[in-house]
């Protein structure tokens, strides 16, 4: 069985990076779009935390859902990148 951290790292630095480019830049772009939609001044960190909250809510219902656990690890990695 692969470590969840290694699995998340492979996703963040593999397919996601290839598909969407630099994570910090992508999340900054997403924050600008979300800010325009909501009229709030949102930053990348805000959106990553929101996505972590989504995963926590899902894990509350299905705490053993592997993909959500991996996603949480991936979002922790992204959080470390957008707060540098």
PDB file of N, CA and C in Angstrom:
ATOM      1  N   UNK A   1       0.842  -1.181   0.000  1.00  0.00           N
ATOM      2  CA  UNK A   1       0.000   0.000   0.000  1.00  0.00           C
ATOM      3  C   UNK A   1       0.890   1.247   0.000  1.00  0.00           C
ATOM      4  N   UNK A   2       0.585   2.181  -0.877  1.00  0.00           N
ATOM      5  CA  UNK A   2       1.337   3.428  -0.984  1.00  0.00           C
ATOM      6  C   UNK A   2       0.935   4.384   0.133  1.00  0.00           C
ATOM      7  N   UNK A   3       1.903   5.094   0.655  1.00  0.00           N
ATOM      8  CA  UNK A   3       1.638   6.120   1.653  1.00  0.00           C
ATOM      9  C   UNK A   3       0.705   7.176   1.073  1.00  0.00           C
ATOM     10  N   UNK A   4      -0.234   7.622   1.876  1.00  0.00           N
ATOM     11  CA  UNK A   4      -1.159   8.679   1.450  1.00  0.00           C
ATOM     12  C   UNK A   4      -0.385   9.943   1.094  1.00  0.00           C
ATOM     13  N   UNK A   5       0.661  10.230   1.852  1.00  0.00           N
ATOM     14  CA  UNK A   5       1.452  11.425   1.565  1.00  0.00           C
ATOM     15  C   UNK A   5       2.163  11.306   0.227  1.00  0.00           C
ATOM     16  N   UNK A   6       2.703  10.131  -0.055  1.00  0.00           N
ATOM     17  CA  UNK A   6       3.365   9.918  -1.349  1.00  0.00           C
ATOM     18  C   UNK A   6       2.359   9.964  -2.492  1.00  0.00           C
ATOM     19  N   UNK A   7       1.187   9.412  -2.263  1.00  0.00           N
ATOM     20  CA  UNK A   7       0.137   9.443  -3.281  1.00  0.00           C
ATOM     21  C   UNK A   7      -0.284  10.881  -3.584  1.00  0.00           C
ATOM     22  N   UNK A   8      -0.488  11.673  -2.538  1.00  0.00           N
ATOM     23  CA  UNK A   8      -0.866  13.070  -2.725  1.00  0.00           C
ATOM     24  C   UNK A   8       0.236  13.846  -3.428  1.00  0.00           C
ATOM     25  N   UNK A   9       1.476  13.601  -3.033  1.00  0.00           N
ATOM     26  CA  UNK A   9       2.606  14.285  -3.646  1.00  0.00           C
ATOM     27  C   UNK A   9       2.694  13.966  -5.136  1.00  0.00           C
ATOM     28  N   UNK A  10       2.460  12.717  -5.485  1.00  0.00           N
ATOM     29  CA  UNK A  10       2.496  12.313  -6.896  1.00  0.00           C
ATOM     30  C   UNK A  10       1.396  12.999  -7.696  1.00  0.00           C
ATOM     31  N   UNK A  11       0.239  13.180  -7.093  1.00  0.00           N
ATOM     32  CA  UNK A  11      -0.872  13.846  -7.785  1.00  0.00           C
ATOM     33  C   UNK A  11      -0.576  15.336  -7.952  1.00  0.00           C
ATOM     34  N   UNK A  12      -0.169  15.986  -6.861  1.00  0.00           N
ATOM     35  CA  UNK A  12       0.083  17.426  -6.892  1.00  0.00           C
ATOM     36  C   UNK A  12       1.214  17.768  -7.861  1.00  0.00           C
ATOM     37  N   UNK A  13       2.262  16.973  -7.853  1.00  0.00           N
ATOM     38  CA  UNK A  13       3.424  17.277  -8.682  1.00  0.00           C
ATOM     39  C   UNK A  13       3.416  16.555 -10.025  1.00  0.00           C
ATOM     40  N   UNK A  14       2.432  15.721 -10.242  1.00  0.00           N
ATOM     41  CA  UNK A  14       2.337  14.980 -11.500  1.00  0.00           C
ATOM     42  C   UNK A  14       1.211  15.500 -12.374  1.00  0.00           C
ATOM     43  N   UNK A  15       0.090  14.778 -12.397  1.00  0.00           N
ATOM     44  CA  UNK A  15      -1.009  15.152 -13.294  1.00  0.00           C
ATOM     45  C   UNK A  15      -1.540  16.568 -13.079  1.00  0.00           C
ATOM     46  N   UNK A  16      -1.697  16.982 -11.831  1.00  0.00           N
ATOM     47  CA  UNK A  16      -2.253  18.320 -11.585  1.00  0.00           C
ATOM     48  C   UNK A  16      -1.303  19.400 -12.091  1.00  0.00           C
ATOM     49  N   UNK A  17      -0.025  19.230 -11.824  1.00  0.00           N
ATOM     50  CA  UNK A  17       0.960  20.209 -12.289  1.00  0.00           C
ATOM     51  C   UNK A  17       1.001  20.238 -13.810  1.00  0.00           C
ATOM     52  N   UNK A  18       0.930  19.070 -14.423  1.00  0.00           N
ATOM     53  CA  UNK A  18       0.951  19.005 -15.888  1.00  0.00           C
ATOM     54  C   UNK A  18      -0.301  19.638 -16.484  1.00  0.00           C
ATOM     55  N   UNK A  19      -1.438  19.415 -15.838  1.00  0.00           N
ATOM     56  CA  UNK A  19      -2.708  19.941 -16.360  1.00  0.00           C
ATOM     57  C   UNK A  19      -2.896  21.432 -16.094  1.00  0.00           C
ATOM     58  N   UNK A  20      -2.505  21.886 -14.890  1.00  0.00           N
ATOM     59  CA  UNK A  20      -2.872  23.232 -14.450  1.00  0.00           C
ATOM     60  C   UNK A  20      -1.703  24.170 -14.204  1.00  0.00           C
ATOM     61  N   UNK A  21      -0.484  23.703 -14.319  1.00  0.00           N
ATOM     62  CA  UNK A  21       0.676  24.562 -14.099  1.00  0.00           C
ATOM     63  C   UNK A  21       1.003  24.720 -12.626  1.00  0.00           C
ATOM     64  N   UNK A  22       1.764  25.755 -12.322  1.00  0.00           N
ATOM     65  CA  UNK A  22       2.200  26.025 -10.961  1.00  0.00           C
ATOM     66  C   UNK A  22       1.003  26.170 -10.021  1.00  0.00           C
ATOM     67  N   UNK A  23       1.018  25.416  -8.932  1.00  0.00           N
ATOM     68  CA  UNK A  23      -0.117  25.397  -8.012  1.00  0.00           C
ATOM     69  C   UNK A  23      -0.389  26.763  -7.387  1.00  0.00           C
ATOM     70  N   UNK A  24       0.645  27.441  -6.924  1.00  0.00           N
ATOM     71  CA  UNK A  24       0.445  28.738  -6.277  1.00  0.00           C
ATOM     72  C   UNK A  24      -0.153  29.741  -7.259  1.00  0.00           C
ATOM     73  N   UNK A  25       0.319  29.734  -8.486  1.00  0.00           N
ATOM     74  CA  UNK A  25      -0.218  30.638  -9.506  1.00  0.00           C
ATOM     75  C   UNK A  25      -1.669  30.292  -9.839  1.00  0.00           C
ATOM     76  N   UNK A  26      -1.959  29.007  -9.952  1.00  0.00           N
ATOM     77  CA  UNK A  26      -3.327  28.580 -10.256  1.00  0.00           C
ATOM     78  C   UNK A  26      -4.289  28.982  -9.152  1.00  0.00           C
ATOM     79  N   UNK A  27      -3.886  28.794  -7.899  1.00  0.00           N
ATOM     80  CA  UNK A  27      -4.763  29.162  -6.787  1.00  0.00           C
ATOM     81  C   UNK A  27      -4.903  30.677  -6.659  1.00  0.00           C
ATOM     82  N   UNK A  28      -3.876  31.428  -7.006  1.00  0.00           N
ATOM     83  CA  UNK A  28      -3.995  32.896  -7.016  1.00  0.00           C
ATOM     84  C   UNK A  28      -4.999  33.326  -8.084  1.00  0.00           C
ATOM     85  N   UNK A  29      -4.953  32.697  -9.246  1.00  0.00           N
ATOM     86  CA  UNK A  29      -5.927  32.997 -10.299  1.00  0.00           C
ATOM     87  C   UNK A  29      -7.339  32.648  -9.842  1.00  0.00           C
ATOM     88  N   UNK A  30      -7.475  31.510  -9.198  1.00  0.00           N
ATOM     89  CA  UNK A  30      -8.783  31.086  -8.695  1.00  0.00           C
ATOM     90  C   UNK A  30      -9.298  32.081  -7.662  1.00  0.00           C
ATOM     91  N   UNK A  31      -8.421  32.592  -6.812  1.00  0.00           N
ATOM     92  CA  UNK A  31      -8.825  33.573  -5.802  1.00  0.00           C
ATOM     93  C   UNK A  31      -9.314  34.862  -6.458  1.00  0.00           C
ATOM     94  N   UNK A  32      -8.644  35.287  -7.525  1.00  0.00           N
ATOM     95  CA  UNK A  32      -9.097  36.498  -8.225  1.00  0.00           C
ATOM     96  C   UNK A  32     -10.490  36.289  -8.819  1.00  0.00           C
ATOM     97  N   UNK A  33     -10.729  35.140  -9.393  1.00  0.00           N
ATOM     98  CA  UNK A  33     -12.042  34.849  -9.978  1.00  0.00           C
ATOM     99  C   UNK A  33     -13.103  34.777  -8.880  1.00  0.00           C
ATOM    100  N   UNK A  34     -12.803  34.074  -7.786  1.00  0.00           N
ATOM    101  CA  UNK A  34     -13.757  33.965  -6.683  1.00  0.00           C
ATOM    102  C   UNK A  34     -14.031  35.324  -6.057  1.00  0.00           C
ATOM    103  N   UNK A  35     -13.022  36.172  -5.989  1.00  0.00           N
ATOM    104  CA  UNK A  35     -13.211  37.527  -5.468  1.00  0.00           C
ATOM    105  C   UNK A  35     -14.160  38.323  -6.353  1.00  0.00           C
ATOM    106  N   UNK A  36     -13.989  38.188  -7.660  1.00  0.00           N
ATOM    107  CA  UNK A  36     -14.875  38.899  -8.591  1.00  0.00           C
ATOM    108  C   UNK A  36     -16.308  38.400  -8.472  1.00  0.00           C
ATOM    109  N   UNK A  37     -16.478  37.120  -8.296  1.00  0.00           N
ATOM    110  CA  UNK A  37     -17.823  36.537  -8.188  1.00  0.00           C
ATOM    111  C   UNK A  37     -18.499  36.947  -6.886  1.00  0.00           C
ATOM    112  N   UNK A  38     -17.752  36.905  -5.781  1.00  0.00           N
ATOM    113  CA  UNK A  38     -18.357  37.141  -4.466  1.00  0.00           C
ATOM    114  C   UNK A  38     -18.332  38.596  -4.022  1.00  0.00           C
ATOM    115  N   UNK A  39     -17.469  39.387  -4.628  1.00  0.00           N
ATOM    116  CA  UNK A  39     -17.294  40.756  -4.164  1.00  0.00           C
ATOM    117  C   UNK A  39     -16.455  40.838  -2.905  1.00  0.00           C
ATOM    118  N   UNK A  40     -15.865  39.730  -2.510  1.00  0.00           N
ATOM    119  CA  UNK A  40     -14.990  39.685  -1.338  1.00  0.00           C
ATOM    120  C   UNK A  40     -13.541  39.696  -1.787  1.00  0.00           C
ATOM    121  N   UNK A  41     -12.663  40.073  -0.895  1.00  0.00           N
ATOM    122  CA  UNK A  41     -11.232  40.060  -1.199  1.00  0.00           C
ATOM    123  C   UNK A  41     -10.646  38.731  -0.709  1.00  0.00           C
ATOM    124  N   UNK A  42     -10.742  37.718  -1.553  1.00  0.00           N
ATOM    125  CA  UNK A  42     -10.271  36.385  -1.192  1.00  0.00           C
ATOM    126  C   UNK A  42      -8.859  36.161  -1.702  1.00  0.00           C
ATOM    127  N   UNK A  43      -8.108  35.399  -0.944  1.00  0.00           N
ATOM    128  CA  UNK A  43      -6.753  35.039  -1.341  1.00  0.00           C
ATOM    129  C   UNK A  43      -6.686  33.533  -1.538  1.00  0.00           C
ATOM    130  N   UNK A  44      -5.609  33.087  -2.159  1.00  0.00           N
ATOM    131  CA  UNK A  44      -5.434  31.666  -2.430  1.00  0.00           C
ATOM    132  C   UNK A  44      -5.572  30.844  -1.149  1.00  0.00           C
ATOM    133  N   UNK A  45      -4.986  31.309  -0.066  1.00  0.00           N
ATOM    134  CA  UNK A  45      -5.059  30.574   1.199  1.00  0.00           C
ATOM    135  C   UNK A  45      -6.511  30.368   1.620  1.00  0.00           C
ATOM    136  N   UNK A  46      -7.367  31.353   1.418  1.00  0.00           N
ATOM    137  CA  UNK A  46      -8.777  31.237   1.780  1.00  0.00           C
ATOM    138  C   UNK A  46      -9.442  30.099   1.018  1.00  0.00           C
ATOM    139  N   UNK A  47      -9.157  30.026  -0.271  1.00  0.00           N
ATOM    140  CA  UNK A  47      -9.785  29.007  -1.098  1.00  0.00           C
ATOM    141  C   UNK A  47      -9.282  27.610  -0.770  1.00  0.00           C
ATOM    142  N   UNK A  48      -8.005  27.487  -0.480  1.00  0.00           N
ATOM    143  CA  UNK A  48      -7.469  26.177  -0.096  1.00  0.00           C
ATOM    144  C   UNK A  48      -8.118  25.727   1.210  1.00  0.00           C
ATOM    145  N   UNK A  49      -8.256  26.634   2.161  1.00  0.00           N
ATOM    146  CA  UNK A  49      -8.903  26.283   3.427  1.00  0.00           C
ATOM    147  C   UNK A  49     -10.362  25.898   3.222  1.00  0.00           C
ATOM    148  N   UNK A  50     -11.041  26.575   2.307  1.00  0.00           N
ATOM    149  CA  UNK A  50     -12.428  26.218   1.991  1.00  0.00           C
ATOM    150  C   UNK A  50     -12.489  24.801   1.418  1.00  0.00           C
ATOM    151  N   UNK A  51     -11.566  24.482   0.509  1.00  0.00           N
ATOM    152  CA  UNK A  51     -11.559  23.135  -0.063  1.00  0.00           C
ATOM    153  C   UNK A  51     -11.238  22.085   0.999  1.00  0.00           C
ATOM    154  N   UNK A  52     -10.381  22.433   1.941  1.00  0.00           N
ATOM    155  CA  UNK A  52     -10.113  21.513   3.045  1.00  0.00           C
ATOM    156  C   UNK A  52     -11.375  21.322   3.888  1.00  0.00           C
ATOM    157  N   UNK A  53     -12.145  22.384   4.074  1.00  0.00           N
ATOM    158  CA  UNK A  53     -13.401  22.278   4.814  1.00  0.00           C
ATOM    159  C   UNK A  53     -14.392  21.374   4.088  1.00  0.00           C
ATOM    160  N   UNK A  54     -14.431  21.475   2.765  1.00  0.00           N
ATOM    161  CA  UNK A  54     -15.298  20.595   1.970  1.00  0.00           C
ATOM    162  C   UNK A  54     -14.910  19.139   2.223  1.00  0.00           C
ATOM    163  N   UNK A  55     -13.607  18.864   2.164  1.00  0.00           N
ATOM    164  CA  UNK A  55     -13.135  17.491   2.372  1.00  0.00           C
ATOM    165  C   UNK A  55     -13.426  17.024   3.797  1.00  0.00           C
ATOM    166  N   UNK A  56     -13.267  17.902   4.788  1.00  0.00           N
ATOM    167  CA  UNK A  56     -13.580  17.534   6.168  1.00  0.00           C
ATOM    168  C   UNK A  56     -15.058  17.198   6.322  1.00  0.00           C
ATOM    169  N   UNK A  57     -15.913  17.978   5.675  1.00  0.00           N
ATOM    170  CA  UNK A  57     -17.357  17.711   5.744  1.00  0.00           C
ATOM    171  C   UNK A  57     -17.674  16.348   5.120  1.00  0.00           C
ATOM    172  N   UNK A  58     -17.019  16.049   4.011  1.00  0.00           N
ATOM    173  CA  UNK A  58     -17.241  14.751   3.367  1.00  0.00           C
ATOM    174  C   UNK A  58     -16.708  13.617   4.229  1.00  0.00           C
ATOM    175  N   UNK A  59     -15.547  13.843   4.845  1.00  0.00           N
ATOM    176  CA  UNK A  59     -14.969  12.817   5.707  1.00  0.00           C
ATOM    177  C   UNK A  59     -15.799  12.601   6.965  1.00  0.00           C
ATOM    178  N   UNK A  60     -16.550  13.593   7.370  1.00  0.00           N
ATOM    179  CA  UNK A  60     -17.444  13.438   8.523  1.00  0.00           C
ATOM    180  C   UNK A  60     -18.491  12.371   8.221  1.00  0.00           C
ATOM    181  N   UNK A  61     -18.921  12.319   6.965  1.00  0.00           N
ATOM    182  CA  UNK A  61     -19.919  11.337   6.539  1.00  0.00           C
ATOM    183  C   UNK A  61     -19.282   9.985   6.230  1.00  0.00           C
ATOM    184  N   UNK A  62     -18.140  10.019   5.553  1.00  0.00           N
ATOM    185  CA  UNK A  62     -17.452   8.783   5.168  1.00  0.00           C
ATOM    186  C   UNK A  62     -15.974   8.890   5.551  1.00  0.00           C
ATOM    187  N   UNK A  63     -15.653   8.682   6.823  1.00  0.00           N
ATOM    188  CA  UNK A  63     -14.292   8.917   7.316  1.00  0.00           C
ATOM    189  C   UNK A  63     -13.221   8.003   6.715  1.00  0.00           C
ATOM    190  N   UNK A  64     -13.613   6.949   6.072  1.00  0.00           N
ATOM    191  CA  UNK A  64     -12.628   6.050   5.479  1.00  0.00           C
ATOM    192  C   UNK A  64     -12.512   6.208   3.967  1.00  0.00           C
ATOM    193  N   UNK A  65     -13.064   7.278   3.414  1.00  0.00           N
ATOM    194  CA  UNK A  65     -13.024   7.501   1.961  1.00  0.00           C
ATOM    195  C   UNK A  65     -11.608   7.896   1.551  1.00  0.00           C
ATOM    196  N   UNK A  66     -10.939   6.967   0.912  1.00  0.00           N
ATOM    197  CA  UNK A  66      -9.518   7.117   0.586  1.00  0.00           C
ATOM    198  C   UNK A  66      -9.225   8.391  -0.208  1.00  0.00           C
ATOM    199  N   UNK A  67      -9.998   8.656  -1.244  1.00  0.00           N
ATOM    200  CA  UNK A  67      -9.721   9.820  -2.097  1.00  0.00           C
ATOM    201  C   UNK A  67      -9.792  11.132  -1.324  1.00  0.00           C
ATOM    202  N   UNK A  68     -10.738  11.250  -0.421  1.00  0.00           N
ATOM    203  CA  UNK A  68     -10.845  12.485   0.369  1.00  0.00           C
ATOM    204  C   UNK A  68      -9.662  12.649   1.308  1.00  0.00           C
ATOM    205  N   UNK A  69      -9.178  11.547   1.847  1.00  0.00           N
ATOM    206  CA  UNK A  69      -8.008  11.603   2.725  1.00  0.00           C
ATOM    207  C   UNK A  69      -6.776  12.033   1.927  1.00  0.00           C
ATOM    208  N   UNK A  70      -6.617  11.466   0.742  1.00  0.00           N
ATOM    209  CA  UNK A  70      -5.496  11.852  -0.125  1.00  0.00           C
ATOM    210  C   UNK A  70      -5.620  13.323  -0.507  1.00  0.00           C
ATOM    211  N   UNK A  71      -6.840  13.747  -0.841  1.00  0.00           N
ATOM    212  CA  UNK A  71      -7.061  15.150  -1.197  1.00  0.00           C
ATOM    213  C   UNK A  71      -6.670  16.079  -0.056  1.00  0.00           C
ATOM    214  N   UNK A  72      -6.992  15.710   1.185  1.00  0.00           N
ATOM    215  CA  UNK A  72      -6.611  16.544   2.335  1.00  0.00           C
ATOM    216  C   UNK A  72      -5.102  16.698   2.404  1.00  0.00           C
ATOM    217  N   UNK A  73      -4.386  15.616   2.176  1.00  0.00           N
ATOM    218  CA  UNK A  73      -2.923  15.687   2.182  1.00  0.00           C
ATOM    219  C   UNK A  73      -2.427  16.587   1.055  1.00  0.00           C
ATOM    220  N   UNK A  74      -3.061  16.475  -0.104  1.00  0.00           N
ATOM    221  CA  UNK A  74      -2.695  17.331  -1.233  1.00  0.00           C
ATOM    222  C   UNK A  74      -2.970  18.794  -0.940  1.00  0.00           C
ATOM    223  N   UNK A  75      -4.100  19.075  -0.329  1.00  0.00           N
ATOM    224  CA  UNK A  75      -4.414  20.458   0.014  1.00  0.00           C
ATOM    225  C   UNK A  75      -3.456  21.002   1.072  1.00  0.00           C
ATOM    226  N   UNK A  76      -2.984  20.153   1.976  1.00  0.00           N
ATOM    227  CA  UNK A  76      -1.978  20.599   2.945  1.00  0.00           C
ATOM    228  C   UNK A  76      -0.702  21.018   2.219  1.00  0.00           C
ATOM    229  N   UNK A  77      -0.325  20.258   1.201  1.00  0.00           N
ATOM    230  CA  UNK A  77       0.850  20.625   0.393  1.00  0.00           C
ATOM    231  C   UNK A  77       0.611  21.953  -0.318  1.00  0.00           C
ATOM    232  N   UNK A  78      -0.552  22.111  -0.917  1.00  0.00           N
ATOM    233  CA  UNK A  78      -0.873  23.360  -1.617  1.00  0.00           C
ATOM    234  C   UNK A  78      -0.894  24.523  -0.622  1.00  0.00           C
ATOM    235  N   UNK A  79      -1.449  24.301   0.561  1.00  0.00           N
ATOM    236  CA  UNK A  79      -1.472  25.352   1.578  1.00  0.00           C
ATOM    237  C   UNK A  79      -0.056  25.820   1.899  1.00  0.00           C
ATOM    238  N   UNK A  80       0.873  24.881   2.011  1.00  0.00           N
ATOM    239  CA  UNK A  80       2.246  25.285   2.300  1.00  0.00           C
ATOM    240  C   UNK A  80       2.845  26.094   1.156  1.00  0.00           C
ATOM    241  N   UNK A  81       2.411  25.840  -0.051  1.00  0.00           N
ATOM    242  CA  UNK A  81       2.942  26.583  -1.206  1.00  0.00           C
ATOM    243  C   UNK A  81       2.356  27.989  -1.316  1.00  0.00           C
ATOM    244  N   UNK A  82       1.076  28.137  -1.018  1.00  0.00           N
ATOM    245  CA  UNK A  82       0.451  29.456  -1.190  1.00  0.00           C
ATOM    246  C   UNK A  82       0.708  30.377  -0.012  1.00  0.00           C
ATOM    247  N   UNK A  83       1.291  29.861   1.065  1.00  0.00           N
ATOM    248  CA  UNK A  83       1.586  30.711   2.216  1.00  0.00           C
ATOM    249  C   UNK A  83       3.055  31.067   2.323  1.00  0.00           C
ATOM    250  N   UNK A  84       3.839  30.741   1.301  1.00  0.00           N
ATOM    251  CA  UNK A  84       5.270  31.077   1.315  1.00  0.00           C
ATOM    252  C   UNK A  84       5.485  32.501   0.893  1.00  0.00           C
TER     253      UNK A  84
END
